[in-house]
Structures are given as C-alpha cells and as structure tokens.
C-alpha cells in the first residue's frame, strides 16, 4: 500500500550528500523551509515532493534522480547517451536502450552508473537509466541491451499526482 511520510532533516542531508554533486542547486529543489515529503509506492520506489505536490526526486533501485519534468530547469552533471529518432517511441514507452539506437556515448560512463538518455535532434531528455556496461565496452558492441530504463516520459512518476 502506498503511503506519504515527512522527510526528516537527517534524511534530507543524506540525499544532498548522495546526489549533491550530480545536480547543481539541489538545495533549492529540497528547501530547508519548504515541506518535503516522500511518497512510497507499492513497488518500493520513493518520490520526493516539495509542498506535497511538486515531484522533484525519485529513488528507484538505489538510484536517486530528478523527475524528468524538472530536468530542463536544473543543471546536471550526469553522463549522457544520445539516441536516434527511431528509438524515441521505444524509450518513452519504457523499453531498455539497445545499442543499435545509440548515436553517441559519453566516454565517462561506468558500468552501473546513472545516465541521462536524450534524443539527437534537440537534445531533449527522454529517460534516466542504469548503464549495464562501461562506455568503452558499449562502443565496441553492435547489438544488445546496454541501458536499463529507470524513469521515462509518460511513466507513472512522470504523470504522478496526489
């Protein structure tokens, strides 16, 4: 059963330490004065909300990442994977990212790390994922699944409302 809980100042501090280097201005996203709450769903995932309505962060499979709705409003230090236009409909429907659909791989990607998936034409964010390989290994591959899709446009978190 889903539930809503308040976020303690200790928990807020832990979140800031874990992902503070990844997102510039994270202090503003999780303000000390604003009421930060967390929504725990049936899958064990957590959404962090400010003022009980604005979803700003998601925790899934031990990864913290911002909600895609706010990605354009923040500056992130997260490696990117660029996919071709043919991959968009698959990625935004929850499919994992396959090697043939990738046009560019940033070289600082490590296996098991968080990556941002963007489309090649405008650089629009499509999803966050977990890298299944290092960038060097991905570059050598021609086929196969290389990124596990964690959060994408049109998923339950993107459309989340209380």
N, C-alpha and C. Protein backbone atom coordinates (compact mmCIF):
# COMPACT_ATOMS: atom_id res chain seq x y z
N UNK A 1 0.83 -1.19 0.00
CA UNK A 1 0.00 0.00 0.00
C UNK A 1 0.88 1.25 0.00
N UNK A 2 0.53 2.22 -0.81
CA UNK A 2 1.28 3.47 -0.90
C UNK A 2 1.06 4.32 0.35
N UNK A 3 2.09 5.09 0.70
CA UNK A 3 1.94 5.98 1.85
C UNK A 3 2.80 7.22 1.68
N UNK A 4 2.45 8.26 2.45
CA UNK A 4 3.18 9.54 2.42
C UNK A 4 3.75 9.79 3.79
N UNK A 5 5.03 10.18 3.83
CA UNK A 5 5.71 10.48 5.09
C UNK A 5 6.49 11.77 4.95
N UNK A 6 6.75 12.42 6.07
CA UNK A 6 7.61 13.61 6.07
C UNK A 6 9.07 13.17 5.94
N UNK A 7 9.87 14.04 5.35
CA UNK A 7 11.30 13.79 5.22
C UNK A 7 12.00 14.52 6.37
N UNK A 8 12.76 13.79 7.16
CA UNK A 8 13.48 14.39 8.28
C UNK A 8 14.66 15.21 7.77
N UNK A 9 15.15 16.11 8.60
CA UNK A 9 16.31 16.92 8.20
C UNK A 9 17.53 16.03 7.99
N UNK A 10 17.64 14.94 8.76
CA UNK A 10 18.75 14.00 8.58
C UNK A 10 18.67 13.31 7.22
N UNK A 11 17.48 12.87 6.85
CA UNK A 11 17.29 12.22 5.55
C UNK A 11 17.57 13.20 4.41
N UNK A 12 17.10 14.44 4.55
CA UNK A 12 17.37 15.46 3.54
C UNK A 12 18.86 15.66 3.37
N UNK A 13 19.59 15.71 4.48
CA UNK A 13 21.04 15.88 4.44
C UNK A 13 21.71 14.70 3.73
N UNK A 14 21.24 13.47 4.01
CA UNK A 14 21.79 12.28 3.35
C UNK A 14 21.57 12.32 1.84
N UNK A 15 20.37 12.74 1.43
CA UNK A 15 20.07 12.85 0.00
C UNK A 15 21.00 13.87 -0.65
N UNK A 16 21.17 15.01 0.01
CA UNK A 16 22.05 16.05 -0.54
C UNK A 16 23.48 15.55 -0.70
N UNK A 17 23.95 14.76 0.26
CA UNK A 17 25.31 14.20 0.19
C UNK A 17 25.44 13.20 -0.96
N UNK A 18 24.41 12.39 -1.15
CA UNK A 18 24.46 11.35 -2.19
C UNK A 18 24.42 11.94 -3.59
N UNK A 19 23.53 12.89 -3.82
CA UNK A 19 23.38 13.38 -5.19
C UNK A 19 23.71 14.85 -5.39
N UNK A 20 24.26 15.48 -4.37
CA UNK A 20 24.60 16.89 -4.47
C UNK A 20 25.56 17.23 -5.59
N UNK A 21 26.50 16.34 -5.88
CA UNK A 21 27.47 16.58 -6.96
C UNK A 21 26.83 16.40 -8.33
N UNK A 22 25.76 15.66 -8.38
CA UNK A 22 25.10 15.35 -9.64
C UNK A 22 24.22 16.49 -10.13
N UNK A 23 23.59 17.21 -9.20
CA UNK A 23 22.63 18.24 -9.55
C UNK A 23 23.03 19.56 -8.89
N UNK A 24 23.31 20.56 -9.71
CA UNK A 24 23.63 21.88 -9.17
C UNK A 24 22.34 22.52 -8.66
N UNK A 25 22.43 23.17 -7.51
CA UNK A 25 21.27 23.84 -6.94
C UNK A 25 20.27 22.90 -6.29
N UNK A 26 20.73 21.73 -5.88
CA UNK A 26 19.82 20.77 -5.26
C UNK A 26 19.21 21.33 -3.97
N UNK A 27 19.96 22.18 -3.29
CA UNK A 27 19.44 22.83 -2.08
C UNK A 27 18.12 23.55 -2.38
N UNK A 28 18.04 24.15 -3.57
CA UNK A 28 16.82 24.86 -3.94
C UNK A 28 15.68 23.90 -4.25
N UNK A 29 16.00 22.71 -4.75
CA UNK A 29 14.97 21.72 -5.06
C UNK A 29 14.37 21.12 -3.80
N UNK A 30 15.21 20.92 -2.78
CA UNK A 30 14.75 20.38 -1.50
C UNK A 30 14.99 21.44 -0.42
N UNK A 31 14.19 22.49 -0.42
CA UNK A 31 14.43 23.60 0.50
C UNK A 31 14.28 23.21 1.97
N UNK A 32 15.09 23.86 2.80
CA UNK A 32 15.02 23.59 4.25
C UNK A 32 13.66 24.04 4.80
N UNK A 33 13.18 25.17 4.32
CA UNK A 33 11.94 25.74 4.85
C UNK A 33 10.69 25.09 4.24
N UNK A 34 10.75 24.71 2.98
CA UNK A 34 9.60 24.08 2.34
C UNK A 34 9.35 22.70 2.90
N UNK A 35 8.14 22.28 2.91
CA UNK A 35 7.80 20.97 3.45
C UNK A 35 8.12 19.91 2.40
N UNK A 36 9.08 19.07 2.71
CA UNK A 36 9.44 17.98 1.81
C UNK A 36 8.85 16.69 2.36
N UNK A 37 8.11 16.00 1.51
CA UNK A 37 7.50 14.73 1.89
C UNK A 37 7.94 13.67 0.90
N UNK A 38 7.74 12.42 1.28
CA UNK A 38 8.06 11.34 0.35
C UNK A 38 6.85 10.45 0.19
N UNK A 39 6.68 10.00 -1.03
CA UNK A 39 5.59 9.11 -1.39
C UNK A 39 6.21 7.75 -1.70
N UNK A 40 5.83 6.74 -0.94
CA UNK A 40 6.34 5.39 -1.13
C UNK A 40 5.28 4.57 -1.86
N UNK A 41 5.63 4.03 -3.03
CA UNK A 41 4.64 3.26 -3.78
C UNK A 41 4.75 1.76 -3.49
N UNK A 42 3.89 1.00 -4.12
CA UNK A 42 3.82 -0.44 -3.88
C UNK A 42 5.06 -1.19 -4.38
N UNK A 43 5.80 -0.58 -5.30
CA UNK A 43 6.98 -1.22 -5.88
C UNK A 43 8.25 -0.98 -5.06
N UNK A 44 8.14 -0.21 -3.98
CA UNK A 44 9.30 0.11 -3.17
C UNK A 44 10.05 1.33 -3.65
N UNK A 45 9.49 2.04 -4.61
CA UNK A 45 10.10 3.26 -5.12
C UNK A 45 9.63 4.44 -4.28
N UNK A 46 10.43 5.52 -4.27
CA UNK A 46 10.12 6.69 -3.46
C UNK A 46 10.15 7.94 -4.33
N UNK A 47 9.13 8.75 -4.21
CA UNK A 47 9.10 10.06 -4.86
C UNK A 47 9.17 11.14 -3.80
N UNK A 48 10.06 12.10 -3.99
CA UNK A 48 10.21 13.20 -3.03
C UNK A 48 9.50 14.43 -3.58
N UNK A 49 8.60 14.97 -2.76
CA UNK A 49 7.77 16.09 -3.18
C UNK A 49 8.02 17.31 -2.31
N UNK A 50 7.94 18.48 -2.92
CA UNK A 50 8.03 19.73 -2.17
C UNK A 50 6.62 20.31 -2.13
N UNK A 51 6.21 20.71 -0.94
CA UNK A 51 4.86 21.25 -0.70
C UNK A 51 3.78 20.26 -1.14
N UNK A 52 4.05 18.99 -0.99
CA UNK A 52 3.10 17.89 -1.24
C UNK A 52 2.55 17.83 -2.65
N UNK A 53 3.16 18.55 -3.59
CA UNK A 53 2.62 18.50 -4.94
C UNK A 53 3.69 18.42 -6.03
N UNK A 54 4.81 19.06 -5.85
CA UNK A 54 5.84 19.11 -6.89
C UNK A 54 6.84 17.98 -6.72
N UNK A 55 6.74 16.97 -7.58
CA UNK A 55 7.68 15.86 -7.55
C UNK A 55 9.02 16.33 -8.08
N UNK A 56 10.07 16.22 -7.26
CA UNK A 56 11.39 16.68 -7.70
C UNK A 56 12.41 15.56 -7.82
N UNK A 57 12.33 14.57 -6.96
CA UNK A 57 13.30 13.47 -6.99
C UNK A 57 12.61 12.12 -6.92
N UNK A 58 13.30 11.12 -7.46
CA UNK A 58 12.80 9.75 -7.42
C UNK A 58 13.94 8.87 -6.94
N UNK A 59 13.61 7.88 -6.12
CA UNK A 59 14.58 6.86 -5.73
C UNK A 59 14.04 5.52 -6.19
N UNK A 60 14.83 4.87 -7.04
CA UNK A 60 14.42 3.58 -7.60
C UNK A 60 15.66 2.73 -7.77
N UNK A 61 15.60 1.49 -7.30
CA UNK A 61 16.74 0.57 -7.42
C UNK A 61 18.03 1.20 -6.86
N UNK A 62 17.94 1.89 -5.74
CA UNK A 62 19.07 2.54 -5.07
C UNK A 62 19.66 3.72 -5.85
N UNK A 63 18.97 4.22 -6.87
CA UNK A 63 19.41 5.40 -7.60
C UNK A 63 18.49 6.57 -7.26
N UNK A 64 19.08 7.72 -7.02
CA UNK A 64 18.31 8.96 -6.90
C UNK A 64 18.48 9.72 -8.21
N UNK A 65 17.39 10.28 -8.72
CA UNK A 65 17.48 11.11 -9.93
C UNK A 65 16.29 12.07 -9.94
N UNK A 66 16.44 13.20 -10.64
CA UNK A 66 15.34 14.16 -10.69
C UNK A 66 14.22 13.65 -11.59
N UNK A 67 13.02 14.13 -11.33
CA UNK A 67 11.90 13.83 -12.20
C UNK A 67 12.16 14.49 -13.55
N UNK A 68 11.85 13.81 -14.63
CA UNK A 68 12.09 14.36 -15.96
C UNK A 68 11.37 15.69 -16.20
N UNK A 69 10.28 15.94 -15.48
CA UNK A 69 9.56 17.20 -15.66
C UNK A 69 10.40 18.42 -15.28
N UNK A 70 11.38 18.24 -14.41
CA UNK A 70 12.18 19.40 -13.97
C UNK A 70 13.59 19.42 -14.57
N UNK A 71 13.90 18.45 -15.42
CA UNK A 71 15.26 18.35 -15.96
C UNK A 71 15.68 19.62 -16.70
N UNK A 72 14.79 20.24 -17.42
CA UNK A 72 15.14 21.46 -18.17
C UNK A 72 15.40 22.66 -17.26
N UNK A 73 14.96 22.56 -16.00
CA UNK A 73 15.10 23.68 -15.07
C UNK A 73 16.37 23.60 -14.23
N UNK A 74 17.12 22.49 -14.33
CA UNK A 74 18.29 22.30 -13.49
C UNK A 74 19.52 21.97 -14.32
N UNK A 75 20.67 22.17 -13.74
CA UNK A 75 21.92 21.80 -14.40
C UNK A 75 22.43 20.52 -13.74
N UNK A 76 22.69 19.52 -14.58
CA UNK A 76 23.10 18.22 -14.06
C UNK A 76 24.48 17.83 -14.57
N UNK A 77 25.18 17.11 -13.73
CA UNK A 77 26.48 16.54 -14.09
C UNK A 77 26.33 15.03 -14.19
N UNK A 78 25.53 14.60 -15.17
CA UNK A 78 25.24 13.19 -15.37
C UNK A 78 25.64 12.85 -16.80
N UNK A 79 26.37 11.75 -17.00
CA UNK A 79 26.74 11.38 -18.37
C UNK A 79 25.52 11.09 -19.22
N UNK A 80 25.65 11.35 -20.54
CA UNK A 80 24.53 11.21 -21.45
C UNK A 80 24.78 10.14 -22.51
N UNK A 81 23.67 9.56 -22.93
CA UNK A 81 23.61 8.68 -24.09
C UNK A 81 22.66 9.38 -25.06
N UNK A 82 23.06 9.50 -26.31
CA UNK A 82 22.20 10.12 -27.32
C UNK A 82 21.65 9.02 -28.22
N UNK A 83 20.32 9.04 -28.39
CA UNK A 83 19.67 8.02 -29.22
C UNK A 83 19.10 8.65 -30.48
N UNK A 84 18.96 7.82 -31.52
CA UNK A 84 18.40 8.31 -32.78
C UNK A 84 16.89 8.48 -32.65
N UNK A 85 16.32 9.15 -33.64
CA UNK A 85 14.89 9.46 -33.59
C UNK A 85 14.02 8.20 -33.60
N UNK A 86 14.49 7.12 -34.20
CA UNK A 86 13.73 5.88 -34.23
C UNK A 86 13.60 5.22 -32.87
N UNK A 87 14.49 5.55 -31.95
CA UNK A 87 14.45 4.94 -30.62
C UNK A 87 13.48 5.64 -29.67
N UNK A 88 13.09 6.86 -30.00
CA UNK A 88 12.28 7.67 -29.07
C UNK A 88 11.03 6.95 -28.60
N UNK A 89 10.24 6.42 -29.53
CA UNK A 89 8.95 5.81 -29.11
C UNK A 89 9.16 4.59 -28.23
N UNK A 90 10.26 3.89 -28.41
CA UNK A 90 10.53 2.72 -27.57
C UNK A 90 10.97 3.16 -26.17
N UNK A 91 11.89 4.13 -26.12
CA UNK A 91 12.41 4.62 -24.83
C UNK A 91 11.29 5.24 -24.01
N UNK A 92 10.43 6.03 -24.66
CA UNK A 92 9.36 6.71 -23.92
C UNK A 92 8.18 5.80 -23.59
N UNK A 93 8.26 4.55 -24.00
CA UNK A 93 7.28 3.56 -23.59
C UNK A 93 7.89 2.55 -22.62
N UNK A 94 9.11 2.85 -22.14
CA UNK A 94 9.71 2.04 -21.09
C UNK A 94 10.72 1.00 -21.52
N UNK A 95 11.00 0.90 -22.81
CA UNK A 95 11.96 -0.10 -23.27
C UNK A 95 13.37 0.26 -22.81
N UNK A 96 14.16 -0.76 -22.53
CA UNK A 96 15.57 -0.54 -22.24
C UNK A 96 16.24 -0.06 -23.52
N UNK A 97 17.40 0.57 -23.38
CA UNK A 97 18.08 1.16 -24.53
C UNK A 97 18.99 0.11 -25.15
N UNK A 98 18.80 -0.09 -26.44
CA UNK A 98 19.56 -1.08 -27.19
C UNK A 98 20.69 -0.38 -27.95
N UNK A 99 21.78 -1.07 -28.12
CA UNK A 99 22.97 -0.48 -28.75
C UNK A 99 22.72 0.09 -30.15
N UNK A 100 21.94 -0.57 -31.03
CA UNK A 100 21.77 -0.01 -32.37
C UNK A 100 21.11 1.37 -32.40
N UNK A 101 20.30 1.71 -31.40
CA UNK A 101 19.62 3.01 -31.37
C UNK A 101 20.47 4.16 -30.85
N UNK A 102 21.68 3.87 -30.40
CA UNK A 102 22.54 4.90 -29.82
C UNK A 102 23.44 5.52 -30.88
N UNK A 103 23.47 6.86 -30.90
CA UNK A 103 24.33 7.56 -31.86
C UNK A 103 25.58 8.14 -31.20
N UNK A 104 25.53 8.39 -29.89
CA UNK A 104 26.71 8.93 -29.19
C UNK A 104 26.72 8.44 -27.75
N UNK A 105 27.91 8.08 -27.28
CA UNK A 105 28.10 7.61 -25.91
C UNK A 105 29.17 8.48 -25.27
N UNK A 106 28.84 9.16 -24.18
CA UNK A 106 29.86 9.95 -23.49
C UNK A 106 30.86 9.00 -22.83
N UNK A 107 32.12 9.36 -22.92
CA UNK A 107 33.20 8.44 -22.51
C UNK A 107 33.33 8.23 -21.01
N UNK A 108 32.68 9.05 -20.19
CA UNK A 108 32.82 8.91 -18.73
C UNK A 108 31.76 7.99 -18.10
N UNK A 109 31.07 7.22 -18.90
CA UNK A 109 30.05 6.31 -18.38
C UNK A 109 30.71 5.04 -17.83
N UNK A 110 30.34 4.69 -16.61
CA UNK A 110 30.84 3.48 -15.96
C UNK A 110 29.70 2.48 -15.81
N UNK A 111 30.02 1.21 -15.80
CA UNK A 111 29.01 0.18 -15.58
C UNK A 111 28.33 0.42 -14.24
N UNK A 112 27.01 0.35 -14.25
CA UNK A 112 26.24 0.54 -13.02
C UNK A 112 25.94 1.98 -12.68
N UNK A 113 26.37 2.92 -13.51
CA UNK A 113 26.15 4.34 -13.20
C UNK A 113 24.85 4.85 -13.82
N UNK A 114 24.39 5.96 -13.29
CA UNK A 114 23.19 6.62 -13.79
C UNK A 114 23.54 7.40 -15.05
N UNK A 115 22.69 7.31 -16.07
CA UNK A 115 22.88 8.07 -17.31
C UNK A 115 21.56 8.73 -17.71
N UNK A 116 21.69 9.83 -18.42
CA UNK A 116 20.54 10.54 -18.96
C UNK A 116 20.46 10.20 -20.44
N UNK A 117 19.30 9.79 -20.89
CA UNK A 117 19.10 9.45 -22.30
C UNK A 117 18.41 10.63 -22.97
N UNK A 118 19.03 11.15 -24.03
CA UNK A 118 18.49 12.29 -24.77
C UNK A 118 18.37 11.94 -26.24
N UNK A 119 17.49 12.66 -26.95
CA UNK A 119 17.33 12.42 -28.38
C UNK A 119 18.29 13.31 -29.16
N UNK A 120 18.65 12.87 -30.38
CA UNK A 120 19.71 13.51 -31.14
C UNK A 120 19.34 14.85 -31.77
N UNK A 121 18.10 15.08 -32.09
CA UNK A 121 17.73 16.29 -32.83
C UNK A 121 17.80 17.56 -31.97
N UNK A 122 17.14 17.54 -30.81
CA UNK A 122 17.08 18.73 -29.95
C UNK A 122 17.74 18.54 -28.60
N UNK A 123 18.20 17.33 -28.31
CA UNK A 123 18.81 17.05 -27.02
C UNK A 123 17.82 16.96 -25.88
N UNK A 124 16.56 16.73 -26.20
CA UNK A 124 15.52 16.64 -25.17
C UNK A 124 15.69 15.37 -24.35
N UNK A 125 15.52 15.50 -23.04
CA UNK A 125 15.64 14.36 -22.14
C UNK A 125 14.46 13.42 -22.33
N UNK A 126 14.76 12.12 -22.46
CA UNK A 126 13.74 11.10 -22.65
C UNK A 126 13.61 10.18 -21.45
N UNK A 127 14.76 9.92 -20.78
CA UNK A 127 14.75 8.92 -19.71
C UNK A 127 16.03 9.00 -18.88
N UNK A 128 15.96 8.38 -17.72
CA UNK A 128 17.15 8.08 -16.92
C UNK A 128 17.31 6.58 -16.94
N UNK A 129 18.55 6.12 -16.94
CA UNK A 129 18.79 4.70 -16.95
C UNK A 129 20.04 4.32 -16.20
N UNK A 130 20.19 3.02 -16.02
CA UNK A 130 21.37 2.45 -15.37
C UNK A 130 22.21 1.79 -16.46
N UNK A 131 23.47 2.18 -16.53
CA UNK A 131 24.37 1.63 -17.53
C UNK A 131 24.72 0.18 -17.19
N UNK A 132 24.59 -0.68 -18.17
CA UNK A 132 24.92 -2.09 -17.97
C UNK A 132 26.36 -2.39 -18.37
N UNK A 133 27.04 -1.40 -18.99
CA UNK A 133 28.43 -1.55 -19.44
C UNK A 133 29.15 -0.22 -19.31
N UNK A 134 30.48 -0.25 -19.30
CA UNK A 134 31.30 0.95 -19.40
C UNK A 134 31.16 1.50 -20.82
N UNK A 135 31.47 2.78 -21.00
CA UNK A 135 31.40 3.40 -22.32
C UNK A 135 32.28 2.68 -23.33
N UNK A 136 33.48 2.28 -22.92
CA UNK A 136 34.41 1.60 -23.83
C UNK A 136 33.80 0.30 -24.35
N UNK A 137 33.19 -0.47 -23.46
CA UNK A 137 32.55 -1.72 -23.87
C UNK A 137 31.35 -1.47 -24.78
N UNK A 138 30.56 -0.44 -24.46
CA UNK A 138 29.40 -0.12 -25.29
C UNK A 138 29.82 0.26 -26.71
N UNK A 139 30.89 1.04 -26.80
CA UNK A 139 31.38 1.47 -28.12
C UNK A 139 31.74 0.27 -28.99
N UNK A 140 32.25 -0.79 -28.40
CA UNK A 140 32.67 -1.98 -29.16
C UNK A 140 31.49 -2.88 -29.54
N UNK A 141 30.35 -2.69 -28.88
CA UNK A 141 29.18 -3.53 -29.14
C UNK A 141 28.43 -3.05 -30.38
N UNK A 142 27.79 -3.98 -31.05
CA UNK A 142 26.93 -3.64 -32.19
C UNK A 142 25.46 -3.88 -31.87
N UNK A 143 25.20 -4.83 -30.99
CA UNK A 143 23.82 -5.21 -30.63
C UNK A 143 23.70 -5.38 -29.12
N UNK A 144 22.45 -5.52 -28.70
CA UNK A 144 22.19 -5.84 -27.30
C UNK A 144 21.71 -4.68 -26.46
N UNK A 145 21.22 -5.04 -25.29
CA UNK A 145 20.71 -4.09 -24.30
C UNK A 145 21.90 -3.49 -23.56
N UNK A 146 21.97 -2.16 -23.48
CA UNK A 146 23.11 -1.52 -22.82
C UNK A 146 22.71 -0.61 -21.65
N UNK A 147 21.45 -0.17 -21.62
CA UNK A 147 20.97 0.71 -20.54
C UNK A 147 19.62 0.18 -20.05
N UNK A 148 19.49 0.02 -18.74
CA UNK A 148 18.21 -0.33 -18.13
C UNK A 148 17.42 0.96 -17.91
N UNK A 149 16.23 1.05 -18.45
CA UNK A 149 15.40 2.24 -18.34
C UNK A 149 14.79 2.31 -16.94
N UNK A 150 15.07 3.40 -16.21
CA UNK A 150 14.57 3.57 -14.84
C UNK A 150 13.38 4.52 -14.74
N UNK A 151 13.39 5.59 -15.54
CA UNK A 151 12.34 6.62 -15.48
C UNK A 151 12.27 7.27 -16.85
N UNK A 152 11.07 7.32 -17.42
CA UNK A 152 10.92 7.81 -18.79
C UNK A 152 9.68 8.69 -18.91
N UNK A 153 9.65 9.48 -19.97
CA UNK A 153 8.47 10.28 -20.25
C UNK A 153 7.27 9.34 -20.34
N UNK A 154 6.19 9.76 -19.75
CA UNK A 154 4.92 9.01 -19.77
C UNK A 154 4.85 7.88 -18.75
N UNK A 155 5.87 7.66 -17.89
CA UNK A 155 5.73 6.60 -16.89
C UNK A 155 4.90 7.09 -15.71
N UNK A 156 4.69 6.23 -14.72
CA UNK A 156 3.84 6.60 -13.58
C UNK A 156 4.40 7.79 -12.81
N UNK A 157 5.72 7.90 -12.69
CA UNK A 157 6.31 9.02 -11.96
C UNK A 157 6.17 10.31 -12.75
N UNK A 158 6.33 10.23 -14.06
CA UNK A 158 6.19 11.44 -14.88
C UNK A 158 4.77 11.99 -14.77
N UNK A 159 3.79 11.12 -14.71
CA UNK A 159 2.39 11.52 -14.62
C UNK A 159 1.87 11.56 -13.19
N UNK A 160 2.76 11.53 -12.21
CA UNK A 160 2.38 11.42 -10.80
C UNK A 160 1.59 12.63 -10.32
N UNK A 161 0.52 12.32 -9.61
CA UNK A 161 -0.29 13.33 -8.92
C UNK A 161 -0.83 12.71 -7.65
N UNK A 162 -0.93 13.52 -6.62
CA UNK A 162 -1.52 13.02 -5.36
C UNK A 162 -3.01 13.27 -5.40
